[in-house]
Amino acid sequence: MAMPKVTITKHWHDGSETIGYAEGELSGREFTASWATWCPIGALFYDTWLDSTGTQDKAIANALKKLNAVPAIQVA
């Protein structure tokens, strides 16, 4: 099964590289995602306000890793 198409429009991390945040689109759905050195990535979608699935989180994490986002991203 192919991963959904992900576009990251913005990503940020704190100065200590402990907490990260991103915004973007996954297959046309807007999302925000956050993660930390102690917590895996989690995403929330604007259009339904429902939490993301593991497959969606993995696709977002893969896109962020390609951009060398910090802190290091964990997937649940």
Protein backbone atom coordinates (compact mmCIF):
# COMPACT_ATOMS: atom_id res chain seq x y z
CA MET A 1 0.00 0.00 0.00
CA ALA A 2 1.41 3.38 -1.03
CA MET A 3 1.80 6.13 1.53
CA PRO A 4 -0.49 9.15 1.16
CA LYS A 5 0.94 12.29 -0.48
CA VAL A 6 2.22 14.72 2.17
CA THR A 7 3.19 18.36 1.75
CA ILE A 8 4.83 20.13 4.69
CA THR A 9 4.07 23.87 4.58
CA LYS A 10 5.78 24.87 7.83
CA HIS A 11 7.87 23.19 10.49
CA TRP A 12 9.47 24.51 13.65
CA HIS A 13 11.36 23.30 16.72
CA ASP A 14 12.32 24.91 20.00
CA GLY A 15 15.86 26.10 20.60
CA SER A 16 16.81 23.01 22.57
CA GLU A 17 15.54 20.74 19.75
CA THR A 18 13.24 18.98 22.20
CA ILE A 19 9.79 19.81 20.79
CA GLY A 20 8.73 19.99 17.12
CA TYR A 21 5.65 21.23 15.28
CA ALA A 22 4.55 21.07 11.64
CA GLU A 23 1.67 22.10 9.40
CA GLY A 24 0.80 20.74 6.01
CA GLU A 25 -1.52 18.71 3.82
CA LEU A 26 -1.99 14.96 3.54
CA SER A 27 -3.95 13.90 0.45
CA GLY A 28 -5.71 17.29 0.43
CA ARG A 29 -6.48 17.37 4.17
CA GLU A 30 -4.87 20.08 6.31
CA PHE A 31 -3.14 18.90 9.48
CA THR A 32 -0.97 20.00 12.36
CA ALA A 33 1.53 17.61 13.90
CA SER A 34 3.66 17.74 17.00
CA TRP A 35 6.31 15.51 18.54
CA ALA A 36 9.01 15.61 21.18
CA THR A 37 12.08 13.65 22.18
CA TRP A 38 9.94 11.76 24.72
CA CYS A 39 6.73 11.47 22.66
CA PRO A 40 5.99 10.07 19.17
CA ILE A 41 4.46 12.18 16.41
CA GLY A 42 0.75 12.83 16.51
CA ALA A 43 -1.36 14.70 13.97
CA LEU A 44 -4.71 16.42 14.05
CA PHE A 45 -6.74 17.24 10.93
CA TYR A 46 -8.46 20.62 10.53
CA ASP A 47 -11.43 19.40 8.49
CA THR A 48 -12.78 16.87 10.98
CA TRP A 49 -10.81 17.49 14.20
CA LEU A 50 -10.24 13.75 14.46
CA ASP A 51 -6.92 12.26 15.44
CA SER A 52 -4.86 10.74 12.66
CA THR A 53 -4.30 7.06 12.00
CA GLY A 54 -0.95 5.32 12.38
CA THR A 55 -0.54 5.21 8.58
CA GLN A 56 -1.12 8.96 8.32
CA ASP A 57 1.31 9.69 11.17
CA LYS A 58 3.95 7.51 9.49
CA ALA A 59 3.50 9.33 6.17
CA ILE A 60 3.85 12.72 7.90
CA ALA A 61 6.91 11.52 9.84
CA ASN A 62 8.55 10.26 6.64
CA ALA A 63 8.00 13.64 4.95
CA LEU A 64 9.47 15.48 7.95
CA LYS A 65 12.49 13.16 8.08
CA LYS A 66 13.21 13.99 4.41
CA LEU A 67 13.35 17.65 5.48
CA ASN A 68 15.72 16.76 8.35
CA ALA A 69 13.23 18.10 10.88
CA VAL A 70 14.30 18.08 14.50
CA PRO A 71 13.97 16.75 17.12
CA ALA A 72 14.31 13.18 15.85
CA ILE A 73 10.79 11.98 15.00
CA GLN A 74 9.38 8.83 16.53
CA VAL A 75 6.37 7.00 15.14
CA ALA A 76 4.12 5.15 17.58
